[in-house]
Protein backbone atom coordinates (compact mmCIF):
# COMPACT_ATOMS: atom_id res chain seq x y z
CA MET A 1 7.93 0.55 7.51
CA LYS A 2 5.03 2.63 6.16
CA ARG A 3 3.86 -0.36 4.14
CA ILE A 4 3.90 -2.51 7.27
CA ILE A 5 1.86 0.06 9.23
CA TYR A 6 -0.72 0.29 6.43
CA THR A 7 -1.11 -3.49 6.38
CA LEU A 8 -1.69 -3.66 10.14
CA CYS A 9 -4.35 -0.94 9.96
CA ILE A 10 -6.13 -2.65 7.09
CA PHE A 11 -6.32 -6.03 8.76
CA ALA A 12 -7.57 -4.37 11.95
CA PHE A 13 -10.39 -2.91 9.85
CA LEU A 14 -11.19 -6.25 8.25
CA GLY A 15 -10.97 -8.04 11.57
CA CYS A 16 -13.72 -5.94 13.11
CA LYS A 17 -16.21 -7.43 10.63
CA THR A 18 -17.48 -10.98 10.63
CA VAL A 19 -16.11 -11.30 7.13
CA SER A 20 -16.65 -14.62 5.48
CA GLY A 21 -17.66 -14.29 1.85
CA ILE A 22 -18.21 -12.34 -1.34
CA SER A 23 -21.71 -11.79 -2.57
CA SER A 24 -22.75 -12.61 -6.11
CA LEU A 25 -24.06 -9.31 -7.38
CA HIS A 26 -26.36 -9.83 -10.33
CA ASN A 27 -24.85 -7.31 -12.70
CA LYS A 28 -22.32 -7.10 -15.47
CA PHE A 29 -19.48 -5.79 -13.32
CA LEU A 30 -16.24 -7.73 -13.45
CA GLN A 31 -14.82 -9.76 -10.57
CA PRO A 32 -11.15 -10.09 -9.51
CA PRO A 33 -8.46 -10.71 -10.53
CA ILE A 34 -8.15 -7.25 -12.05
CA GLN A 35 -6.91 -7.20 -15.64
CA TYR A 36 -5.45 -4.31 -17.63
CA ASP A 37 -6.13 -4.29 -21.36
CA GLY A 38 -4.04 -1.24 -22.27
CA LYS A 39 -7.12 0.55 -23.60
CA LYS A 40 -9.69 1.34 -20.91
CA ASP A 41 -9.21 2.83 -17.47
CA VAL A 42 -10.17 0.68 -14.48
CA MET A 43 -12.91 1.46 -11.95
CA ILE A 44 -13.04 -0.65 -8.77
CA PHE A 45 -15.85 -0.57 -6.21
CA PHE A 46 -15.02 -1.74 -2.68
CA THR A 47 -18.17 -2.55 -0.72
CA GLY A 48 -19.59 -4.51 2.19
CA SER A 49 -23.11 -4.88 0.89
CA ASP A 50 -24.67 -6.87 3.74
CA TRP A 51 -23.20 -4.97 6.73
CA ASP A 52 -22.52 -1.42 5.52
CA THR A 53 -25.50 0.89 4.95
CA ASP A 54 -23.76 3.09 2.41
CA SER A 55 -22.53 0.06 0.46
CA LYS A 56 -26.14 -1.07 0.17
CA ARG A 57 -26.95 2.31 -1.40
CA VAL A 58 -24.17 1.76 -3.93
CA VAL A 59 -25.56 -1.63 -4.90
CA GLU A 60 -29.11 -0.33 -5.17
CA ASN A 61 -28.38 2.93 -7.00
CA LEU A 62 -25.22 2.36 -9.02
CA PHE A 63 -24.98 -1.34 -9.76
CA THR A 64 -27.49 -1.08 -12.57
CA ASP A 65 -27.65 -1.71 -16.31
CA GLU A 66 -27.97 2.03 -16.85
CA PHE A 67 -24.72 2.68 -14.95
CA TYR A 68 -22.94 -0.09 -16.84
CA LYS A 69 -24.13 1.22 -20.20
CA LYS A 70 -22.95 4.75 -19.34
CA TYR A 71 -19.43 3.94 -18.11
CA SER A 72 -18.36 0.57 -19.51
CA PRO A 73 -17.23 2.09 -22.84
CA PHE A 74 -14.56 3.98 -20.87
CA PHE A 75 -13.86 1.76 -17.86
CA ASN A 76 -13.43 -1.89 -17.04
CA ILE A 77 -15.67 -1.90 -13.95
CA TYR A 78 -14.95 -4.25 -11.04
CA SER A 79 -16.86 -5.05 -7.87
CA ILE A 80 -15.02 -6.29 -4.78
CA ASP A 81 -17.69 -6.96 -2.18
CA ILE A 82 -16.81 -8.43 1.22
CA THR A 83 -19.87 -9.73 3.04
CA ARG A 84 -20.91 -11.84 6.00
CA ALA A 85 -22.71 -14.37 3.84
CA ARG A 86 -20.58 -17.44 3.22
CA SER A 87 -20.30 -20.04 0.52
CA ASN A 88 -17.69 -22.76 0.86
CA SER A 89 -16.98 -22.54 -2.84
CA GLU A 90 -15.89 -18.92 -2.48
CA ASP A 91 -12.90 -19.34 -0.15
CA THR A 92 -10.37 -18.47 -2.88
CA ALA A 93 -12.41 -15.42 -3.85
CA ILE A 94 -12.52 -14.30 -0.21
CA GLN A 95 -8.75 -14.38 0.09
CA LEU A 96 -8.39 -12.50 -3.19
CA ALA A 97 -10.80 -9.84 -1.94
CA TYR A 98 -8.74 -9.49 1.25
CA GLN A 99 -5.64 -9.00 -0.88
CA TYR A 100 -7.23 -6.22 -2.88
CA PHE A 101 -8.60 -4.47 0.20
CA ALA A 102 -5.05 -4.54 1.60
CA GLU A 103 -3.37 -3.49 -1.65
CA TYR A 104 -5.66 -0.49 -2.03
CA GLU A 105 -5.48 0.34 1.70
CA ILE A 106 -9.26 0.26 2.12
CA THR A 107 -10.25 1.05 5.70
CA GLU A 108 -13.86 2.11 5.10
CA CYS A 109 -16.65 1.40 2.65
CA PRO A 110 -17.86 2.19 0.09
CA CYS A 111 -14.76 3.26 -1.85
CA VAL A 112 -13.88 3.61 -5.51
CA ALA A 113 -10.45 3.38 -7.10
CA LEU A 114 -9.84 4.85 -10.55
CA GLU A 115 -6.69 4.02 -12.45
CA THR A 116 -5.21 4.28 -15.90
CA SER A 117 -4.51 1.25 -18.06
CA SER A 118 -0.90 1.61 -16.86
CA ARG A 119 -2.09 0.81 -13.28
CA TYR A 120 -1.57 4.39 -12.09
CA VAL A 121 -4.20 5.21 -9.45
CA TYR A 122 -5.51 8.76 -9.83
CA ALA A 123 -8.46 8.53 -7.44
CA LEU A 124 -9.16 6.49 -4.32
CA GLU A 125 -12.09 7.92 -2.40
CA ASN A 126 -14.99 7.08 -0.14
CA ILE A 127 -18.15 7.72 -2.17
CA LYS A 128 -20.93 7.62 0.44
CA ALA A 129 -21.77 11.22 -0.52
CA TYR A 130 -22.10 10.30 -4.20
CA CYS A 131 -23.99 7.01 -4.30
CA ASP A 132 -27.64 8.08 -4.26
CA SER A 133 -27.85 8.36 -8.05
CA ILE A 134 -25.87 8.02 -11.24
CA GLU A 135 -25.98 11.81 -11.55
CA SER A 136 -24.35 12.35 -8.17
CA PHE A 137 -21.69 9.77 -8.94
CA ASP A 138 -21.00 11.48 -12.26
CA THR A 139 -20.35 14.72 -10.37
CA PHE A 140 -17.71 12.88 -8.36
CA LEU A 141 -16.24 11.22 -11.44
CA GLN A 142 -15.87 14.42 -13.42
CA ALA A 143 -14.02 16.01 -10.51
CA GLN A 144 -11.39 13.24 -10.76
CA MET A 145 -10.57 13.77 -14.44
CA PRO A 146 -8.08 16.64 -13.91
CA LYS A 147 -6.10 14.29 -11.63
CA ARG A 148 -6.02 11.74 -14.42
CA GLU A 149 -4.75 14.30 -16.91
CA THR A 150 -2.02 15.35 -14.48
CA LEU A 151 -0.78 11.77 -14.18
CA ILE A 152 -0.89 11.24 -17.94
CA ALA A 153 1.23 14.37 -18.43
CA LEU A 154 3.69 13.30 -15.73
CA GLU A 155 3.92 9.82 -17.26
CA SER A 156 4.80 11.39 -20.60
CA SER A 157 7.49 13.52 -18.95
CA MET A 158 9.00 10.46 -17.27
CA GLN A 159 9.21 8.63 -20.57
CA LYS A 160 11.23 11.44 -22.10
CA ALA A 161 13.61 12.08 -19.18
CA LYS A 162 17.00 10.53 -18.41
CA GLY A 163 19.54 10.70 -15.60
CA PRO A 164 18.89 13.08 -12.69
CA GLU A 165 16.03 14.66 -14.65
CA LEU A 166 14.28 11.29 -14.62
CA THR A 167 14.66 11.12 -10.85
CA LYS A 168 12.96 14.52 -10.53
CA GLU A 169 10.14 13.51 -12.87
CA ILE A 170 9.53 10.28 -10.96
CA ASP A 171 9.51 12.20 -7.69
CA ALA A 172 6.91 14.60 -9.08
CA PHE A 173 4.81 11.68 -10.30
CA LEU A 174 4.90 9.86 -6.96
CA ALA A 175 3.85 13.06 -5.22
CA GLU A 176 0.63 13.07 -7.26
CA VAL A 177 -0.29 9.41 -7.66
CA LYS A 178 -2.42 7.53 -5.13
CA LEU A 179 -0.86 4.65 -3.18
CA PRO A 180 2.72 5.93 -3.67
CA TYR A 181 4.06 3.16 -1.39
CA SER A 182 2.45 0.41 -3.44
CA HIS A 183 4.72 -2.23 -4.93
CA ARG A 184 3.25 -1.36 -8.32
CA TYR A 185 5.62 1.64 -8.33
CA ASP A 186 8.74 -0.26 -7.23
CA SER A 187 10.27 -0.14 -10.69
CA LEU A 188 9.94 3.66 -10.72
CA ILE A 189 11.59 3.95 -7.30
CA ILE A 190 14.48 1.80 -8.48
CA LYS A 191 14.89 3.99 -11.58
CA ALA A 192 14.80 7.13 -9.41
CA PHE A 193 17.58 5.71 -7.23
CA GLU A 194 19.75 4.47 -10.08
CA SER A 195 19.35 7.61 -12.23
CA ASP A 196 21.00 10.00 -9.77
CA PRO A 197 24.05 8.30 -8.22
CA LYS A 198 25.78 11.65 -7.60
CA ASN A 199 22.77 13.17 -5.83
CA GLU A 200 22.44 16.07 -8.25
CA THR A 201 18.75 16.31 -7.38
CA GLY A 202 19.18 16.13 -3.61
CA LEU A 203 16.83 13.12 -3.65
CA TYR A 204 19.41 10.35 -3.40
CA LYS A 205 18.90 9.69 0.30
CA LYS A 206 15.12 9.49 -0.09
CA TYR A 207 15.31 6.89 -2.84
CA PHE A 208 18.22 5.04 -1.23
CA LEU A 209 15.93 4.30 1.72
CA ALA A 210 13.02 3.39 -0.54
CA TYR A 211 15.24 1.12 -2.64
CA THR A 212 16.51 -0.60 0.52
CA ASP A 213 12.92 -1.14 1.64
CA ILE A 214 12.07 -2.78 -1.69
CA LYS A 215 14.99 -5.19 -1.39
CA ALA A 216 14.13 -5.97 2.23
CA GLN A 217 10.50 -6.67 1.35
CA SER A 218 11.64 -8.95 -1.45
CA PHE A 219 13.62 -11.03 1.03
CA MET A 220 10.62 -11.11 3.37
CA ASN A 221 8.43 -12.40 0.55
CA ASN A 222 10.90 -15.26 0.22
CA GLY A 223 10.71 -15.99 3.95
CA ASP A 224 14.13 -14.58 4.86
CA PRO A 225 13.78 -11.97 7.65
CA VAL A 226 17.52 -12.15 8.40
CA ALA A 227 18.38 -10.97 4.89
CA SER A 228 15.74 -8.24 5.22
CA ALA A 229 17.32 -7.03 8.46
CA ASN A 230 20.77 -7.08 6.89
CA GLU A 231 19.63 -4.69 4.15
CA PHE A 232 18.99 -2.00 6.77
CA ILE A 233 22.08 -2.84 8.81
CA SER A 234 24.18 -2.42 5.66
CA ILE A 235 23.11 1.23 5.39
CA ALA A 236 22.57 2.00 9.08
CA GLU A 237 25.81 3.94 9.60
CA ASN A 238 25.96 5.58 6.20
CA GLU A 239 27.16 9.14 6.67
CA ILE A 240 24.39 10.60 4.51
CA PHE A 241 21.82 9.77 7.19
CA SER A 242 21.03 11.82 10.28
CA ALA A 243 21.04 10.33 13.79
CA ASN A 244 17.27 9.91 13.67
CA GLU A 245 17.45 8.18 10.29
CA LYS A 246 20.20 5.87 11.51
CA GLN A 247 18.02 5.12 14.52
CA ALA A 248 15.13 4.21 12.25
CA ASN A 249 17.39 1.93 10.21
CA TYR A 250 18.48 -0.01 13.28
CA TYR A 251 14.91 -0.18 14.54
CA THR A 252 13.64 -1.46 11.19
CA ALA A 253 16.40 -4.10 11.10
CA ALA A 254 15.38 -5.19 14.60
CA TYR A 255 11.75 -5.38 13.51
CA PHE A 256 12.54 -7.80 10.68
CA LEU A 257 14.92 -9.90 12.75
CA ALA A 258 12.41 -10.16 15.60
CA LEU A 259 10.10 -12.13 13.33
CA THR A 260 12.13 -15.16 14.37
CA ASP A 261 13.14 -16.24 17.89
CA GLU A 262 16.58 -17.34 16.75
CA HIS A 263 18.33 -13.97 16.96
CA LEU A 264 16.81 -12.19 19.96
CA GLU A 265 20.19 -11.16 21.38
CA THR A 266 21.03 -9.45 18.09
CA VAL A 267 17.59 -7.84 18.06
CA LEU A 268 18.32 -6.33 21.50
CA GLU A 269 21.71 -5.15 20.27
CA TYR A 270 20.08 -3.32 17.35
CA LEU A 271 17.38 -1.80 19.55
CA GLU A 272 19.87 -0.59 22.14
CA LYS A 273 22.02 0.89 19.39
CA ALA A 274 18.97 2.63 17.99
CA LEU A 275 18.04 4.08 21.36
CA SER A 276 21.58 5.32 22.01
CA LEU A 277 21.53 7.36 18.79
CA ASN A 278 18.80 9.63 20.15
CA PRO A 279 17.18 8.70 23.51
CA LYS A 280 14.74 11.60 23.23
CA SER A 281 13.46 11.11 19.70
CA GLU A 282 9.82 10.53 18.77
CA LEU A 283 10.72 6.90 18.19
CA ALA A 284 12.48 6.43 21.55
CA ASP A 285 9.43 5.34 23.57
CA GLN A 286 8.50 2.82 20.91
CA ILE A 287 12.04 1.44 20.99
CA LYS A 288 11.95 1.16 24.80
CA ASN A 289 8.69 -0.77 24.61
CA ALA A 290 10.24 -3.07 22.01
CA ILE A 291 13.26 -3.67 24.24
CA ARG A 292 10.99 -4.68 27.13
CA ALA A 293 8.98 -7.00 24.91
CA VAL A 294 12.06 -8.65 23.42
CA ASN A 295 13.65 -9.10 26.86
CA GLN A 296 10.50 -10.89 27.98
CA ARG A 297 10.50 -13.10 24.89
CA HIS A 298 14.19 -13.82 25.40
CA ALA A 299 13.57 -14.86 29.01
CA GLU A 300 10.68 -17.11 28.03
CA THR A 301 12.66 -18.69 25.24
CA SER A 302 15.60 -19.38 27.55
CA GLN A 303 13.34 -21.25 29.99
CA GLU A 304 12.00 -23.62 27.36
């Protein structure tokens, strides 16, 4: 569910701009798709150079030959610039830019993402305070290096660990890395779940839910919301979960199933079950609103 919420917020941000193109910045910076060569780290600038004042400062002060010469030996440097200017030939590039803004959860500009060649993001920050000169940006960049070293050390620890110890190492890594809910870390979440079947770490429930979410999202990607809902229904009454967690499982199942009009009665059943588990929870009002909305949809559908 957290991934869904992030996506909604991101598209609300993009929707408030008259976004329609990607500018051609006359520099040596790379353009998407982002590639990983196994050698250099990756630096990604997210800008809106013809509508955002601070992004214009980035372009003027940092997108220079001097900047490229200083940092390109250590980074593959990318520019993802969403602008109002439009070129019909750039439609594919526009959609790709949208995808990257969503993947990196960009809700303001200008931002920079820094990641290792293993795709581990160690910095994701707004840089409006550091874009007046190369020197000011370098101050920002040097402050991020300890985060990189932490991730490198945690990655090394994960590679050496097995069983429940691996689950603990992955958990420590995900606590430090940026974008911990990104699909790029799905394989680690699956390993964390599978490495501790007896819950020796006390983390089994956490990764059971995360693993279920991964499977549900996979079904959604294949256009099967019913299968996605069934993933959460299959664990909804598991005794390891609290009443509030069971409530969230039913609510999430209802969310997926409500993406089609074919199962509205079942959606209501799941929502009512969710509400009955704890009518005074923080989620209860949201569930009540959903019940009203689904009842209205059900009535409208019945009249057609």
